């Protein structure tokens, strides 16, 4: 009798391995972006003096109701870091599985720092603030800006790393979009000096694409 063996095709993607607790952690990561953007939108349309064309969402941390945005920053950061842990538990050993979760965790940590170091007032918000931008950044404002820049650079680096994972699994559309998304995010940051709305749109797209990628990782996890 001749023994026969069955082997998978060489092009078959490597299976992901779900470790205990990965799915709830990924679900937390999925919730982060929508919660942050929904909170910012709701505050932006209800707080006096806030204008999406002139003010960044970070400035919602200022004023009497600023605690809402501070809590939003903290919650979003915790959820993003939880999602990064879940991503590590699923992708560990797979292409991109080492660095993608770390970069997403750095992105989450930037939200925690943004809560601790609020942005500077300006552009008429909160009420009583100068109509223009401050002549010089305060220490808190500078740290807030630095944490945001580092966080979104980490996110922009995480997207092409995650593209490796999706390419290895034959998800070519997801891989291509993950390579294009950082271009839009960085372009939004580059345009922030002339258009706050462009910055908000780029940052929001980054959050939403991370939400989509985390959801895809969850759905692909057995």
N, C-alpha and C. Protein backbone atom coordinates (compact mmCIF):
# COMPACT_ATOMS: atom_id res chain seq x y z
N UNK A 1 0.85 -1.19 0.00
CA UNK A 1 0.00 0.00 0.00
C UNK A 1 0.89 1.24 0.00
N UNK A 2 0.50 2.19 -0.82
CA UNK A 2 1.29 3.41 -0.91
C UNK A 2 0.62 4.52 -0.14
N UNK A 3 1.36 5.14 0.78
CA UNK A 3 0.81 6.24 1.57
C UNK A 3 0.79 7.51 0.74
N UNK A 4 -0.29 8.24 0.85
CA UNK A 4 -0.40 9.50 0.12
C UNK A 4 -0.50 10.65 1.10
N UNK A 5 0.03 11.75 0.72
CA UNK A 5 -0.04 12.95 1.56
C UNK A 5 -0.62 14.08 0.75
N UNK A 6 -1.31 14.98 1.45
CA UNK A 6 -1.91 16.14 0.80
C UNK A 6 -1.23 17.39 1.33
N UNK A 7 -0.72 18.19 0.43
CA UNK A 7 -0.04 19.42 0.83
C UNK A 7 -0.79 20.61 0.27
N UNK A 8 -0.76 21.71 1.00
CA UNK A 8 -1.43 22.93 0.56
C UNK A 8 -0.63 23.56 -0.56
N UNK A 9 -1.29 24.25 -1.47
CA UNK A 9 -0.56 24.93 -2.53
C UNK A 9 0.43 25.94 -1.95
N UNK A 10 1.50 26.14 -2.69
CA UNK A 10 2.55 27.04 -2.20
C UNK A 10 2.04 28.45 -1.98
N UNK A 11 0.98 28.82 -2.71
CA UNK A 11 0.46 30.18 -2.61
C UNK A 11 -0.57 30.36 -1.49
N UNK A 12 -0.93 29.29 -0.78
CA UNK A 12 -1.95 29.39 0.25
C UNK A 12 -1.48 30.29 1.37
N UNK A 13 -2.33 31.22 1.86
CA UNK A 13 -1.91 32.12 2.92
C UNK A 13 -1.78 31.39 4.24
N UNK A 14 -0.86 31.86 5.06
CA UNK A 14 -0.68 31.28 6.38
C UNK A 14 -1.89 31.61 7.24
N UNK A 15 -2.35 30.65 8.00
CA UNK A 15 -3.51 30.85 8.85
C UNK A 15 -3.14 31.69 10.06
N UNK A 16 -4.06 32.55 10.46
CA UNK A 16 -3.84 33.32 11.67
C UNK A 16 -4.19 32.45 12.86
N UNK A 17 -3.63 32.79 14.00
CA UNK A 17 -3.87 32.00 15.21
C UNK A 17 -4.49 32.91 16.26
N UNK A 18 -5.69 32.60 16.66
CA UNK A 18 -6.37 33.43 17.66
C UNK A 18 -6.02 32.93 19.06
N UNK A 19 -5.40 33.76 19.85
CA UNK A 19 -5.11 33.42 21.24
C UNK A 19 -6.28 33.86 22.11
N UNK A 20 -6.36 33.32 23.33
CA UNK A 20 -7.49 33.66 24.20
C UNK A 20 -7.64 35.16 24.40
N UNK A 21 -8.88 35.63 24.31
CA UNK A 21 -9.17 37.03 24.57
C UNK A 21 -8.91 37.96 23.41
N UNK A 22 -8.48 37.44 22.26
CA UNK A 22 -8.12 38.32 21.14
C UNK A 22 -9.34 39.03 20.58
N UNK A 23 -10.45 38.32 20.45
CA UNK A 23 -11.61 38.91 19.78
C UNK A 23 -12.20 40.11 20.55
N UNK A 24 -12.40 40.04 21.86
CA UNK A 24 -12.89 41.23 22.58
C UNK A 24 -11.93 42.41 22.49
N UNK A 25 -10.63 42.13 22.49
CA UNK A 25 -9.65 43.20 22.38
C UNK A 25 -9.71 43.86 21.01
N UNK A 26 -9.86 43.06 19.96
CA UNK A 26 -10.01 43.62 18.62
C UNK A 26 -11.29 44.43 18.52
N UNK A 27 -12.36 43.95 19.14
CA UNK A 27 -13.63 44.70 19.13
C UNK A 27 -13.45 46.06 19.80
N UNK A 28 -12.65 46.11 20.86
CA UNK A 28 -12.37 47.39 21.52
C UNK A 28 -11.64 48.32 20.57
N UNK A 29 -10.68 47.78 19.82
CA UNK A 29 -9.96 48.60 18.85
C UNK A 29 -10.87 49.12 17.76
N UNK A 30 -11.83 48.32 17.34
CA UNK A 30 -12.78 48.74 16.30
C UNK A 30 -13.62 49.92 16.80
N UNK A 31 -13.97 49.93 18.06
CA UNK A 31 -14.83 50.98 18.62
C UNK A 31 -14.12 52.32 18.76
N UNK A 32 -12.79 52.31 18.82
CA UNK A 32 -12.04 53.52 19.16
C UNK A 32 -12.32 54.67 18.19
N UNK A 33 -12.11 54.44 16.90
CA UNK A 33 -12.27 55.50 15.92
C UNK A 33 -13.67 56.09 15.87
N UNK A 34 -14.71 55.25 15.73
CA UNK A 34 -16.06 55.80 15.70
C UNK A 34 -16.43 56.59 16.96
N UNK A 35 -15.99 56.12 18.13
CA UNK A 35 -16.29 56.84 19.37
C UNK A 35 -15.63 58.22 19.35
N UNK A 36 -14.37 58.27 18.96
CA UNK A 36 -13.66 59.55 18.95
C UNK A 36 -14.29 60.54 17.98
N UNK A 37 -14.59 60.07 16.78
CA UNK A 37 -15.14 60.97 15.76
C UNK A 37 -16.57 61.39 16.09
N UNK A 38 -17.37 60.46 16.61
CA UNK A 38 -18.74 60.80 16.98
C UNK A 38 -18.76 61.82 18.12
N UNK A 39 -17.87 61.64 19.09
CA UNK A 39 -17.80 62.59 20.20
C UNK A 39 -17.37 63.96 19.70
N UNK A 40 -16.36 64.00 18.84
CA UNK A 40 -15.88 65.27 18.31
C UNK A 40 -16.94 65.98 17.49
N UNK A 41 -17.68 65.23 16.68
CA UNK A 41 -18.73 65.83 15.86
C UNK A 41 -19.84 66.40 16.74
N UNK A 42 -20.26 65.61 17.73
CA UNK A 42 -21.34 66.06 18.62
C UNK A 42 -20.94 67.31 19.39
N UNK A 43 -19.72 67.34 19.89
CA UNK A 43 -19.26 68.51 20.63
C UNK A 43 -19.10 69.72 19.72
N UNK A 44 -18.57 69.46 18.50
CA UNK A 44 -18.31 70.56 17.59
C UNK A 44 -19.55 71.32 17.17
N UNK A 45 -20.66 70.62 17.06
CA UNK A 45 -21.90 71.28 16.61
C UNK A 45 -22.69 71.86 17.78
N UNK A 46 -22.30 71.56 19.01
CA UNK A 46 -23.08 72.04 20.15
C UNK A 46 -22.34 73.07 21.00
N UNK A 47 -21.03 73.17 20.86
CA UNK A 47 -20.29 74.10 21.71
C UNK A 47 -20.15 75.45 21.03
N UNK A 48 -20.47 76.50 21.78
CA UNK A 48 -20.45 77.87 21.23
C UNK A 48 -19.04 78.26 20.81
N UNK A 49 -18.95 78.82 19.63
CA UNK A 49 -17.68 79.36 19.14
C UNK A 49 -16.83 78.38 18.37
N UNK A 50 -17.18 77.08 18.39
CA UNK A 50 -16.35 76.10 17.68
C UNK A 50 -16.73 76.09 16.21
N UNK A 51 -15.71 76.09 15.36
CA UNK A 51 -15.92 76.09 13.91
C UNK A 51 -14.98 75.05 13.31
N UNK A 52 -15.55 74.04 12.63
CA UNK A 52 -14.73 72.97 12.07
C UNK A 52 -13.74 73.49 11.02
N UNK A 53 -14.02 74.63 10.42
CA UNK A 53 -13.10 75.15 9.42
C UNK A 53 -11.93 75.93 10.04
N UNK A 54 -12.04 76.26 11.33
CA UNK A 54 -10.99 77.04 11.98
C UNK A 54 -10.37 76.34 13.18
N UNK A 55 -11.11 75.42 13.80
CA UNK A 55 -10.65 74.81 15.05
C UNK A 55 -10.43 73.31 14.89
N UNK A 56 -9.37 72.82 15.51
CA UNK A 56 -9.10 71.39 15.53
C UNK A 56 -9.89 70.73 16.65
N UNK A 57 -10.21 69.45 16.49
CA UNK A 57 -10.97 68.73 17.51
C UNK A 57 -10.24 68.75 18.85
N UNK A 58 -8.92 68.81 18.82
CA UNK A 58 -8.16 68.82 20.07
C UNK A 58 -8.53 70.00 20.96
N UNK A 59 -8.93 71.12 20.36
CA UNK A 59 -9.27 72.29 21.16
C UNK A 59 -10.55 72.12 21.96
N UNK A 60 -11.30 71.07 21.67
CA UNK A 60 -12.50 70.80 22.47
C UNK A 60 -12.14 70.45 23.91
N UNK A 61 -10.86 70.16 24.18
CA UNK A 61 -10.43 69.90 25.56
C UNK A 61 -10.43 71.15 26.41
N UNK A 62 -10.58 72.30 25.78
CA UNK A 62 -10.51 73.58 26.50
C UNK A 62 -11.90 74.04 26.92
N UNK A 63 -11.95 74.89 27.91
CA UNK A 63 -13.21 75.47 28.34
C UNK A 63 -13.92 74.61 29.38
N UNK A 64 -15.09 75.07 29.80
CA UNK A 64 -15.81 74.41 30.87
C UNK A 64 -16.21 72.99 30.58
N UNK A 65 -16.57 72.70 29.33
CA UNK A 65 -16.97 71.34 28.95
C UNK A 65 -15.80 70.54 28.39
N UNK A 66 -14.59 71.05 28.57
CA UNK A 66 -13.43 70.38 28.01
C UNK A 66 -13.19 68.98 28.55
N UNK A 67 -13.74 68.70 29.73
CA UNK A 67 -13.54 67.37 30.33
C UNK A 67 -14.10 66.26 29.43
N UNK A 68 -15.10 66.60 28.61
CA UNK A 68 -15.69 65.58 27.74
C UNK A 68 -14.67 65.11 26.72
N UNK A 69 -13.96 66.07 26.11
CA UNK A 69 -12.95 65.69 25.12
C UNK A 69 -11.75 65.02 25.78
N UNK A 70 -11.39 65.48 26.98
CA UNK A 70 -10.30 64.82 27.70
C UNK A 70 -10.65 63.35 27.95
N UNK A 71 -11.89 63.11 28.41
CA UNK A 71 -12.33 61.72 28.63
C UNK A 71 -12.36 60.95 27.32
N UNK A 72 -12.72 61.62 26.22
CA UNK A 72 -12.74 60.96 24.91
C UNK A 72 -11.33 60.56 24.49
N UNK A 73 -10.37 61.45 24.70
CA UNK A 73 -8.97 61.12 24.41
C UNK A 73 -8.53 59.89 25.21
N UNK A 74 -8.83 59.90 26.50
CA UNK A 74 -8.40 58.78 27.36
C UNK A 74 -9.05 57.47 26.93
N UNK A 75 -10.36 57.49 26.70
CA UNK A 75 -11.07 56.28 26.31
C UNK A 75 -10.55 55.76 24.97
N UNK A 76 -10.38 56.67 24.00
CA UNK A 76 -9.88 56.26 22.69
C UNK A 76 -8.51 55.64 22.79
N UNK A 77 -7.63 56.24 23.58
CA UNK A 77 -6.29 55.69 23.74
C UNK A 77 -6.30 54.29 24.33
N UNK A 78 -7.11 54.09 25.36
CA UNK A 78 -7.21 52.77 25.99
C UNK A 78 -7.75 51.74 25.00
N UNK A 79 -8.77 52.10 24.24
CA UNK A 79 -9.36 51.18 23.27
C UNK A 79 -8.37 50.83 22.16
N UNK A 80 -7.61 51.83 21.70
CA UNK A 80 -6.62 51.57 20.65
C UNK A 80 -5.52 50.63 21.14
N UNK A 81 -5.06 50.84 22.35
CA UNK A 81 -4.02 49.96 22.90
C UNK A 81 -4.57 48.55 23.10
N UNK A 82 -5.82 48.45 23.54
CA UNK A 82 -6.44 47.12 23.65
C UNK A 82 -6.50 46.45 22.29
N UNK A 83 -6.89 47.21 21.26
CA UNK A 83 -6.92 46.65 19.91
C UNK A 83 -5.55 46.20 19.45
N UNK A 84 -4.51 46.95 19.81
CA UNK A 84 -3.15 46.57 19.44
C UNK A 84 -2.75 45.25 20.10
N UNK A 85 -3.15 45.07 21.36
CA UNK A 85 -2.86 43.81 22.05
C UNK A 85 -3.58 42.66 21.35
N UNK A 86 -4.85 42.88 21.00
CA UNK A 86 -5.59 41.84 20.28
C UNK A 86 -4.97 41.53 18.94
N UNK A 87 -4.50 42.55 18.24
CA UNK A 87 -3.85 42.35 16.95
C UNK A 87 -2.58 41.53 17.11
N UNK A 88 -1.83 41.79 18.18
CA UNK A 88 -0.62 41.02 18.45
C UNK A 88 -0.96 39.55 18.69
N UNK A 89 -2.03 39.30 19.43
CA UNK A 89 -2.40 37.92 19.74
C UNK A 89 -2.83 37.15 18.50
N UNK A 90 -3.34 37.87 17.51
CA UNK A 90 -3.80 37.21 16.29
C UNK A 90 -2.69 37.09 15.25
N UNK A 91 -1.91 38.15 15.08
CA UNK A 91 -0.95 38.21 13.98
C UNK A 91 0.46 37.79 14.36
N UNK A 92 0.71 37.49 15.60
CA UNK A 92 2.06 37.10 16.02
C UNK A 92 2.56 35.93 15.19
N UNK A 93 3.70 36.12 14.54
CA UNK A 93 4.27 35.09 13.69
C UNK A 93 3.90 35.22 12.23
N UNK A 94 2.91 36.07 11.91
CA UNK A 94 2.48 36.29 10.53
C UNK A 94 3.22 37.51 9.98
N UNK A 95 3.23 37.68 8.65
CA UNK A 95 3.87 38.88 8.06
C UNK A 95 3.27 40.16 8.64
N UNK A 96 4.12 41.04 9.12
CA UNK A 96 3.67 42.29 9.71
C UNK A 96 3.18 42.17 11.13
N UNK A 97 3.16 40.96 11.66
CA UNK A 97 2.59 40.74 12.98
C UNK A 97 3.42 41.23 14.14
N UNK A 98 4.68 41.53 13.90
CA UNK A 98 5.53 42.02 14.99
C UNK A 98 5.39 43.53 15.17
N UNK A 99 5.48 44.28 14.06
CA UNK A 99 5.54 45.73 14.17
C UNK A 99 4.20 46.43 14.09
N UNK A 100 3.25 45.87 13.37
CA UNK A 100 1.95 46.55 13.25
C UNK A 100 1.31 46.80 14.62
N UNK A 101 1.22 45.80 15.50
CA UNK A 101 0.61 46.07 16.82
C UNK A 101 1.39 47.11 17.63
N UNK A 102 2.71 47.09 17.52
CA UNK A 102 3.51 48.06 18.26
C UNK A 102 3.23 49.48 17.79
N UNK A 103 3.15 49.66 16.48
CA UNK A 103 2.89 50.99 15.93
C UNK A 103 1.49 51.46 16.29
N UNK A 104 0.52 50.56 16.28
CA UNK A 104 -0.84 50.94 16.68
C UNK A 104 -0.86 51.30 18.16
N UNK A 105 -0.08 50.60 18.98
CA UNK A 105 -0.02 50.93 20.41
C UNK A 105 0.58 52.33 20.62
N UNK A 106 1.60 52.68 19.83
CA UNK A 106 2.16 54.04 19.91
C UNK A 106 1.09 55.07 19.55
N UNK A 107 0.30 54.76 18.53
CA UNK A 107 -0.80 55.64 18.14
C UNK A 107 -1.78 55.81 19.30
N UNK A 108 -2.12 54.72 19.97
CA UNK A 108 -3.01 54.81 21.12
C UNK A 108 -2.43 55.62 22.25
N UNK A 109 -1.13 55.43 22.51
CA UNK A 109 -0.48 56.19 23.58
C UNK A 109 -0.49 57.68 23.30
N UNK A 110 -0.46 58.07 22.03
CA UNK A 110 -0.49 59.50 21.69
C UNK A 110 -1.80 60.15 22.13
N UNK A 111 -2.89 59.40 22.16
CA UNK A 111 -4.17 59.94 22.62
C UNK A 111 -4.14 60.16 24.13
N UNK A 112 -3.48 59.27 24.85
CA UNK A 112 -3.35 59.45 26.30
C UNK A 112 -2.55 60.71 26.61
N UNK A 113 -1.47 60.93 25.85
CA UNK A 113 -0.67 62.14 26.06
C UNK A 113 -1.45 63.39 25.68
N UNK A 114 -2.26 63.28 24.63
CA UNK A 114 -3.07 64.43 24.21
C UNK A 114 -4.07 64.82 25.29
N UNK A 115 -4.52 63.85 26.08
CA UNK A 115 -5.44 64.15 27.18
C UNK A 115 -4.72 64.88 28.32
N UNK A 116 -3.46 64.51 28.54
CA UNK A 116 -2.70 65.11 29.64
C UNK A 116 -2.22 66.51 29.28
N UNK A 117 -1.83 66.69 28.02
CA UNK A 117 -1.30 67.98 27.57
C UNK A 117 -2.27 68.59 26.54
N UNK A 118 -3.18 69.45 26.98
CA UNK A 118 -4.18 70.02 26.06
C UNK A 118 -3.57 70.97 25.05
N UNK A 119 -4.29 71.15 23.94
CA UNK A 119 -3.88 72.10 22.91
C UNK A 119 -4.04 73.52 23.41
N UNK A 120 -3.41 74.45 22.70
CA UNK A 120 -3.54 75.86 23.05
C UNK A 120 -4.84 76.44 22.51
N UNK A 121 -5.41 77.43 23.20
CA UNK A 121 -6.58 78.12 22.65
C UNK A 121 -6.17 78.95 21.44
N UNK A 122 -7.15 79.30 20.61
CA UNK A 122 -6.86 80.11 19.43
C UNK A 122 -7.99 80.03 18.43
N UNK A 123 -7.93 80.86 17.41
CA UNK A 123 -8.94 80.89 16.35
C UNK A 123 -10.34 81.07 16.94
N UNK A 124 -10.42 81.85 18.03
CA UNK A 124 -11.72 82.17 18.61
C UNK A 124 -12.31 81.12 19.52
N UNK A 125 -11.56 80.10 19.84
CA UNK A 125 -12.09 79.06 20.74
C UNK A 125 -11.06 78.71 21.80
N UNK A 126 -11.52 78.54 23.07
CA UNK A 126 -12.89 78.77 23.55
C UNK A 126 -13.23 80.27 23.57
N UNK A 127 -14.44 80.57 23.98
CA UNK A 127 -14.88 81.97 23.97
C UNK A 127 -13.90 82.84 24.74
N UNK A 128 -13.53 83.95 24.13
CA UNK A 128 -12.57 84.85 24.73
C UNK A 128 -11.17 84.67 24.20
N UNK A 129 -10.91 83.59 23.47
CA UNK A 129 -9.59 83.34 22.90
C UNK A 129 -9.35 84.28 21.72
N UNK A 130 -8.08 84.61 21.42
CA UNK A 130 -7.79 85.48 20.28
C UNK A 130 -8.36 84.91 18.99
N UNK A 131 -8.70 85.80 18.07
CA UNK A 131 -9.28 85.35 16.80
C UNK A 131 -8.27 84.60 15.95
N UNK A 132 -6.99 84.93 16.08
CA UNK A 132 -5.94 84.26 15.32
C UNK A 132 -5.25 83.19 16.15
N UNK A 133 -4.21 82.60 15.57
CA UNK A 133 -3.43 81.60 16.29
C UNK A 133 -2.47 82.29 17.25
N UNK A 134 -2.11 81.57 18.32
CA UNK A 134 -1.18 82.12 19.31
C UNK A 134 0.18 82.37 18.65
N UNK A 135 0.84 83.43 19.08
CA UNK A 135 2.15 83.77 18.49
C UNK A 135 3.19 82.69 18.78
N UNK A 136 3.07 82.04 19.93
CA UNK A 136 4.03 80.99 20.30
C UNK A 136 3.29 79.89 21.05
N UNK A 137 3.76 78.66 20.87
CA UNK A 137 3.15 77.52 21.56
C UNK A 137 3.56 77.49 23.02
N UNK A 138 2.61 77.13 23.88
CA UNK A 138 2.96 76.86 25.27
C UNK A 138 3.62 75.49 25.34
N UNK A 139 4.17 75.16 26.50
CA UNK A 139 4.79 73.84 26.66
C UNK A 139 3.76 72.74 26.46
N UNK A 140 2.56 72.94 27.03
CA UNK A 140 1.50 71.95 26.87
C UNK A 140 1.10 71.82 25.41
N UNK A 141 0.93 72.96 24.73
CA UNK A 141 0.54 72.93 23.33
C UNK A 141 1.59 72.26 22.46
N UNK A 142 2.87 72.50 22.76
CA UNK A 142 3.94 71.88 21.99
C UNK A 142 3.96 70.36 22.19
N UNK A 143 3.78 69.91 23.43
CA UNK A 143 3.76 68.47 23.70
C UNK A 143 2.53 67.82 23.07
N UNK A 144 1.41 68.53 23.08
CA UNK A 144 0.21 68.02 22.44
C UNK A 144 0.44 67.82 20.94
N UNK A 145 1.03 68.82 20.31
CA UNK A 145 1.29 68.73 18.88
C UNK A 145 2.31 67.63 18.58
N UNK A 146 3.35 67.53 19.41
CA UNK A 146 4.37 66.51 19.20
C UNK A 146 3.80 65.11 19.34
N UNK A 147 2.96 64.90 20.36
CA UNK A 147 2.38 63.57 20.56
C UNK A 147 1.48 63.20 19.39
N UNK A 148 0.71 64.17 18.88
CA UNK A 148 -0.14 63.88 17.74
C UNK A 148 0.66 63.55 16.50
N UNK A 149 1.75 64.30 16.27
CA UNK A 149 2.58 64.05 15.10
C UNK A 149 3.21 62.66 15.16
N UNK A 150 3.78 62.31 16.33
CA UNK A 150 4.39 60.99 16.48
C UNK A 150 3.34 59.89 16.32
N UNK A 151 2.16 60.11 16.92
CA UNK A 151 1.11 59.11 16.86
C UNK A 151 0.65 58.83 15.44
N UNK A 152 0.41 59.89 14.68
CA UNK A 152 -0.09 59.69 13.32
C UNK A 152 1.01 59.21 12.37
N UNK A 153 2.27 59.54 12.65
CA UNK A 153 3.35 58.95 11.86
C UNK A 153 3.44 57.45 12.13
N UNK A 154 3.23 57.06 13.41
CA UNK A 154 3.23 55.63 13.73
C UNK A 154 2.08 54.93 13.03
N UNK A 155 0.90 55.56 13.00
CA UNK A 155 -0.24 54.97 12.31
C UNK A 155 0.05 54.84 10.82
N UNK A 156 0.63 55.89 10.23
CA UNK A 156 0.94 55.86 8.81
C UNK A 156 1.96 54.77 8.49
N UNK A 157 2.85 54.47 9.43
CA UNK A 157 3.80 53.38 9.24
C UNK A 157 3.13 52.02 9.43
N UNK A 158 2.11 51.97 10.30
CA UNK A 158 1.43 50.69 10.56
C UNK A 158 0.65 50.21 9.34
N UNK A 159 0.11 51.14 8.56
CA UNK A 159 -0.70 50.73 7.40
C UNK A 159 0.07 49.90 6.39
N UNK A 160 1.24 50.34 5.90
CA UNK A 160 1.97 49.48 4.96
C UNK A 160 2.48 48.19 5.59
N UNK A 161 2.73 48.22 6.91
CA UNK A 161 3.12 46.96 7.57
C UNK A 161 1.95 45.99 7.55
N UNK A 162 0.75 46.48 7.84
CA UNK A 162 -0.44 45.62 7.77
C UNK A 162 -0.72 45.19 6.33
N UNK A 163 -0.32 46.01 5.36
CA UNK A 163 -0.49 45.64 3.96
C UNK A 163 0.26 44.35 3.65
N UNK A 164 1.39 44.13 4.29
CA UNK A 164 2.14 42.89 4.10
C UNK A 164 1.31 41.69 4.54
N UNK A 165 0.61 41.85 5.66
CA UNK A 165 -0.24 40.76 6.16
C UNK A 165 -1.34 40.44 5.16
N UNK A 166 -2.01 41.47 4.68
CA UNK A 166 -3.13 41.24 3.75
C UNK A 166 -2.63 40.72 2.40
N UNK A 167 -1.48 41.19 1.95
CA UNK A 167 -0.93 40.68 0.70
C UNK A 167 -0.59 39.20 0.81
N UNK A 168 -0.05 38.80 1.97
CA UNK A 168 0.31 37.40 2.17
C UNK A 168 -0.91 36.50 2.19
N UNK A 169 -2.07 37.07 2.56
CA UNK A 169 -3.32 36.29 2.60
C UNK A 169 -4.14 36.45 1.32
N UNK A 170 -3.54 37.08 0.32
CA UNK A 170 -4.23 37.23 -0.96
C UNK A 170 -5.28 38.32 -0.98
N UNK A 171 -5.28 39.21 0.02
CA UNK A 171 -6.25 40.32 0.06
C UNK A 171 -5.62 41.53 -0.64
N UNK A 172 -5.55 41.49 -1.94
CA UNK A 172 -4.81 42.51 -2.68
C UNK A 172 -5.44 43.89 -2.57
N UNK A 173 -6.77 43.96 -2.59
CA UNK A 173 -7.43 45.25 -2.46
C UNK A 173 -7.14 45.90 -1.12
N UNK A 174 -7.21 45.12 -0.06
CA UNK A 174 -6.91 45.63 1.27
C UNK A 174 -5.45 46.07 1.36
N UNK A 175 -4.57 45.29 0.77
CA UNK A 175 -3.15 45.64 0.80
C UNK A 175 -2.89 46.95 0.05
N UNK A 176 -3.50 47.11 -1.12
CA UNK A 176 -3.30 48.32 -1.90
C UNK A 176 -3.83 49.54 -1.17
N UNK A 177 -5.04 49.44 -0.62
CA UNK A 177 -5.63 50.57 0.09
C UNK A 177 -4.81 50.93 1.33
N UNK A 178 -4.22 49.95 1.97
CA UNK A 178 -3.40 50.20 3.16
C UNK A 178 -2.10 50.90 2.81
N UNK A 179 -1.67 50.76 1.56
CA UNK A 179 -0.47 51.49 1.12
C UNK A 179 -0.81 52.91 0.68
N UNK A 180 -2.05 53.14 0.27
CA UNK A 180 -2.46 54.47 -0.18
C UNK A 180 -2.93 55.35 0.99
N UNK A 181 -3.53 54.74 2.01
CA UNK A 181 -4.09 55.52 3.12
C UNK A 181 -3.06 56.44 3.79
N UNK A 182 -1.81 55.99 4.02
CA UNK A 182 -0.85 56.90 4.67
C UNK A 182 -0.59 58.16 3.87
N UNK A 183 -0.68 58.07 2.55
CA UNK A 183 -0.45 59.25 1.71
C UNK A 183 -1.48 60.33 2.02
N UNK A 184 -2.74 59.92 2.19
CA UNK A 184 -3.80 60.88 2.47
C UNK A 184 -3.66 61.44 3.88
N UNK A 185 -3.30 60.57 4.84
CA UNK A 185 -3.13 61.03 6.23
C UNK A 185 -2.00 62.05 6.31
N UNK A 186 -0.86 61.75 5.71
CA UNK A 186 0.29 62.67 5.76
C UNK A 186 -0.03 63.95 5.00
N UNK A 187 -0.76 63.85 3.88
CA UNK A 187 -1.14 65.04 3.12
C UNK A 187 -2.02 65.96 3.96
N UNK A 188 -2.92 65.36 4.76
CA UNK A 188 -3.75 66.16 5.64
C UNK A 188 -2.93 66.91 6.67
N UNK A 189 -1.92 66.26 7.22
CA UNK A 189 -1.04 66.92 8.18
C UNK A 189 -0.24 68.03 7.49
N UNK A 190 0.24 67.77 6.28
CA UNK A 190 1.03 68.77 5.57
C UNK A 190 0.20 70.01 5.26
N UNK A 191 -1.11 69.81 5.05
CA UNK A 191 -1.99 70.93 4.70
C UNK A 191 -2.56 71.64 5.92
N UNK A 192 -2.19 71.18 7.12
CA UNK A 192 -2.81 71.74 8.33
C UNK A 192 -2.52 73.22 8.51
N UNK A 193 -1.40 73.70 7.98
CA UNK A 193 -1.06 75.11 8.16
C UNK A 193 -1.97 76.04 7.35
N UNK A 194 -2.61 75.50 6.32
CA UNK A 194 -3.49 76.32 5.49
C UNK A 194 -4.95 75.90 5.59
N UNK A 195 -5.22 74.69 6.09
CA UNK A 195 -6.59 74.22 6.18
C UNK A 195 -6.75 73.25 7.35
N UNK A 196 -7.39 73.73 8.41
CA UNK A 196 -7.66 72.85 9.55
C UNK A 196 -8.58 71.71 9.14
N UNK A 197 -9.52 72.01 8.25
CA UNK A 197 -10.47 71.00 7.81
C UNK A 197 -9.77 69.85 7.09
N UNK A 198 -8.73 70.16 6.30
CA UNK A 198 -7.96 69.12 5.62
C UNK A 198 -7.25 68.24 6.64
N UNK A 199 -6.71 68.86 7.68
CA UNK A 199 -6.06 68.10 8.74
C UNK A 199 -7.05 67.16 9.44
N UNK A 200 -8.23 67.70 9.76
CA UNK A 200 -9.26 66.89 10.43
C UNK A 200 -9.69 65.72 9.55
N UNK A 201 -9.85 66.00 8.24
CA UNK A 201 -10.26 64.94 7.32
C UNK A 201 -9.20 63.85 7.22
N UNK A 202 -7.92 64.24 7.12
CA UNK A 202 -6.85 63.25 7.03
C UNK A 202 -6.75 62.41 8.29
N UNK A 203 -6.83 63.07 9.44
CA UNK A 203 -6.76 62.34 10.71
C UNK A 203 -7.96 61.42 10.87
N UNK A 204 -9.15 61.91 10.49
CA UNK A 204 -10.35 61.07 10.59
C UNK A 204 -10.28 59.87 9.68
N UNK A 205 -9.74 60.06 8.48
CA UNK A 205 -9.60 58.93 7.56
C UNK A 205 -8.67 57.88 8.15
N UNK A 206 -7.59 58.34 8.78
CA UNK A 206 -6.66 57.40 9.40
C UNK A 206 -7.34 56.56 10.46
N UNK A 207 -8.14 57.19 11.29
CA UNK A 207 -8.87 56.46 12.33
C UNK A 207 -9.86 55.47 11.73
N UNK A 208 -10.58 55.89 10.70
CA UNK A 208 -11.58 55.01 10.11
C UNK A 208 -10.95 53.85 9.36
N UNK A 209 -9.81 54.09 8.71
CA UNK A 209 -9.17 52.98 8.00
C UNK A 209 -8.59 51.98 9.00
N UNK A 210 -8.06 52.46 10.11
CA UNK A 210 -7.61 51.54 11.15
C UNK A 210 -8.78 50.72 11.67
N UNK A 211 -9.94 51.35 11.83
CA UNK A 211 -11.14 50.63 12.24
C UNK A 211 -11.47 49.52 11.26
N UNK A 212 -11.42 49.84 9.96
CA UNK A 212 -11.74 48.85 8.93
C UNK A 212 -10.73 47.70 8.94
N UNK A 213 -9.45 48.02 9.08
CA UNK A 213 -8.43 46.97 9.09
C UNK A 213 -8.57 46.07 10.30
N UNK A 214 -8.84 46.67 11.46
CA UNK A 214 -9.00 45.87 12.67
C UNK A 214 -10.22 44.96 12.55
N UNK A 215 -11.29 45.49 11.96
CA UNK A 215 -12.49 44.67 11.74
C UNK A 215 -12.19 43.51 10.79
N UNK A 216 -11.39 43.78 9.76
CA UNK A 216 -11.03 42.72 8.81
C UNK A 216 -10.21 41.64 9.49
N UNK A 217 -9.27 42.05 10.33
CA UNK A 217 -8.47 41.07 11.09
C UNK A 217 -9.39 40.22 11.96
N UNK A 218 -10.36 40.87 12.60
CA UNK A 218 -11.31 40.13 13.45
C UNK A 218 -12.13 39.14 12.64
N UNK A 219 -12.64 39.58 11.50
CA UNK A 219 -13.47 38.71 10.67
C UNK A 219 -12.67 37.54 10.09
N UNK A 220 -11.38 37.75 9.86
CA UNK A 220 -10.54 36.68 9.31
C UNK A 220 -10.04 35.72 10.38
N UNK A 221 -10.33 36.05 11.64
CA UNK A 221 -9.83 35.22 12.75
C UNK A 221 -10.83 34.11 13.06
N UNK A 222 -10.39 32.85 12.97
CA UNK A 222 -11.32 31.74 13.28
C UNK A 222 -11.69 31.70 14.74
